[in-house]
Protein backbone atom coordinates (compact mmCIF):
# COMPACT_ATOMS: atom_id res chain seq x y z
CA UNK A 1 -64.90 66.81 -108.13
CA UNK A 2 -61.15 65.82 -107.26
CA UNK A 3 -59.24 63.66 -109.77
CA UNK A 4 -59.34 59.28 -109.36
CA UNK A 5 -56.39 58.07 -107.14
CA UNK A 6 -55.64 55.09 -105.43
CA UNK A 7 -55.71 51.79 -106.79
CA UNK A 8 -58.55 51.93 -109.22
CA UNK A 9 -57.16 54.38 -111.35
CA UNK A 10 -54.18 53.66 -111.70
CA UNK A 11 -55.55 49.91 -112.15
CA UNK A 12 -57.92 51.62 -114.88
CA UNK A 13 -54.48 54.18 -116.83
CA UNK A 14 -52.96 50.72 -116.63
CA UNK A 15 -55.75 49.08 -118.49
CA UNK A 16 -55.93 51.92 -121.30
CA UNK A 17 -51.71 51.70 -121.61
CA UNK A 18 -51.70 48.06 -122.21
CA UNK A 19 -52.41 47.29 -125.59
CA UNK A 20 -50.08 49.66 -126.48
CA UNK A 21 -46.25 49.14 -127.08
CA UNK A 22 -46.09 52.74 -123.94
CA UNK A 23 -42.36 52.22 -124.01
CA UNK A 24 -42.54 52.92 -127.64
CA UNK A 25 -44.80 56.04 -127.49
CA UNK A 26 -44.00 59.99 -127.24
CA UNK A 27 -43.68 61.31 -123.90
CA UNK A 28 -46.34 63.04 -125.69
CA UNK A 29 -48.49 60.41 -126.95
CA UNK A 30 -48.69 58.62 -123.64
CA UNK A 31 -49.72 62.29 -121.65
CA UNK A 32 -52.51 62.53 -123.70
CA UNK A 33 -53.56 58.52 -123.10
CA UNK A 34 -53.28 59.19 -118.86
CA UNK A 35 -55.47 62.15 -119.62
CA UNK A 36 -57.59 60.96 -122.09
CA UNK A 37 -57.27 57.59 -119.13
CA UNK A 38 -58.23 59.68 -116.33
CA UNK A 39 -61.38 62.19 -118.06
CA UNK A 40 -63.10 58.70 -118.63
CA UNK A 41 -62.68 56.30 -115.26
CA UNK A 42 -63.51 59.40 -113.69
CA UNK A 43 -67.01 60.05 -115.88
CA UNK A 44 -67.36 56.01 -115.19
CA UNK A 45 -67.13 55.92 -111.48
CA UNK A 46 -69.18 59.41 -111.47
CA UNK A 47 -72.05 57.25 -113.93
CA UNK A 48 -72.02 53.79 -111.64
CA UNK A 49 -73.22 56.64 -108.92
CA UNK A 50 -76.70 57.18 -110.83
CA UNK A 51 -79.65 54.54 -110.04
CA UNK A 52 -80.53 53.12 -112.19
CA UNK A 53 -77.84 54.05 -115.05
CA UNK A 54 -75.77 50.84 -116.82
CA UNK A 55 -72.96 51.74 -118.04
CA UNK A 56 -72.30 48.82 -120.82
CA UNK A 57 -69.16 48.23 -121.85
CA UNK A 58 -66.90 51.26 -122.89
CA UNK A 59 -65.06 51.34 -125.90
CA UNK A 60 -61.09 52.36 -125.96
CA UNK A 61 -61.12 56.24 -126.14
CA UNK A 62 -59.01 58.29 -128.40
CA UNK A 63 -55.78 60.57 -126.90
CA UNK A 64 -56.94 63.30 -124.95
CA UNK A 65 -56.67 67.15 -127.47
CA UNK A 66 -52.51 67.75 -127.51
CA UNK A 67 -53.40 71.48 -125.84
CA UNK A 68 -54.27 69.97 -122.78
CA UNK A 69 -53.07 71.58 -120.27
CA UNK A 70 -52.18 68.29 -118.43
CA UNK A 71 -50.87 66.84 -120.22
CA UNK A 72 -47.56 70.02 -121.04
CA UNK A 73 -48.30 69.42 -117.59
CA UNK A 74 -47.31 65.13 -117.44
CA UNK A 75 -44.98 65.77 -119.71
CA UNK A 76 -42.62 67.89 -117.44
CA UNK A 77 -42.94 65.65 -115.29
CA UNK A 78 -42.11 63.27 -117.60
CA UNK A 79 -38.66 65.11 -118.32
CA UNK A 80 -36.14 64.29 -117.40
CA UNK A 81 -37.21 60.86 -115.66
CA UNK A 82 -36.60 56.51 -116.94
CA UNK A 83 -40.03 56.34 -117.46
CA UNK A 84 -39.22 53.74 -119.98
CA UNK A 85 -38.04 51.39 -117.07
CA UNK A 86 -40.17 51.46 -115.00
CA UNK A 87 -43.55 48.97 -115.01
CA UNK A 88 -46.76 50.49 -116.30
CA UNK A 89 -47.98 50.63 -113.10
CA UNK A 90 -44.82 52.84 -111.33
CA UNK A 91 -45.47 54.85 -114.17
CA UNK A 92 -49.41 55.38 -113.39
CA UNK A 93 -49.37 55.68 -109.60
CA UNK A 94 -46.90 58.69 -110.69
CA UNK A 95 -48.44 60.17 -112.82
CA UNK A 96 -51.70 60.29 -111.46
CA UNK A 97 -50.05 61.76 -108.33
CA UNK A 98 -48.95 64.61 -110.47
CA UNK A 99 -52.48 65.43 -112.18
CA UNK A 100 -53.58 65.94 -108.45
CA UNK A 101 -50.45 67.98 -107.73
CA UNK A 102 -51.30 69.78 -110.51
CA UNK A 103 -55.40 70.16 -109.52
CA UNK A 104 -54.64 71.40 -106.29
CA UNK A 105 -52.27 74.24 -107.56
CA UNK A 106 -55.12 74.63 -109.83
CA UNK A 107 -57.31 74.71 -107.03
CA UNK A 108 -55.47 76.97 -105.39
CA UNK A 109 -54.94 79.54 -108.03
CA UNK A 110 -59.16 79.73 -108.62
CA UNK A 111 -59.01 79.87 -104.71
CA UNK A 112 -56.59 82.87 -104.52
CA UNK A 113 -58.30 84.21 -107.55
CA UNK A 114 -61.25 84.41 -105.59
CA UNK A 115 -60.07 86.03 -102.20
CA UNK A 116 -58.25 89.02 -104.84
CA UNK A 117 -61.01 89.06 -106.50
CA UNK A 118 -63.63 90.02 -103.68
CA UNK A 119 -61.26 92.40 -101.29
CA UNK A 120 -61.98 95.24 -104.06
């Protein structure tokens, strides 16, 4: 399933970060919270497509696992950027775009590996 993109996803990620003094968080913690918010948004979006499902109130979730490879990728995306001076909306949109780049690269790698293995 593709990662959520666009205004709805950025708004969901921003809503997950908004309760925190996100500019004071480390780049690692911002990345962990963004990954967690994206995962939650993806699951909620999927559940809402199931007929008769009632998602109900969605409590806040904790940060994603520090070892998640997406966290490292987002930290690299933040490296050298003056992201603390950005708006929350811009930060979320940029990080979602970075995650989409990560996903596309991963899918391409997996496709290339499948072709390589099928050739032998």
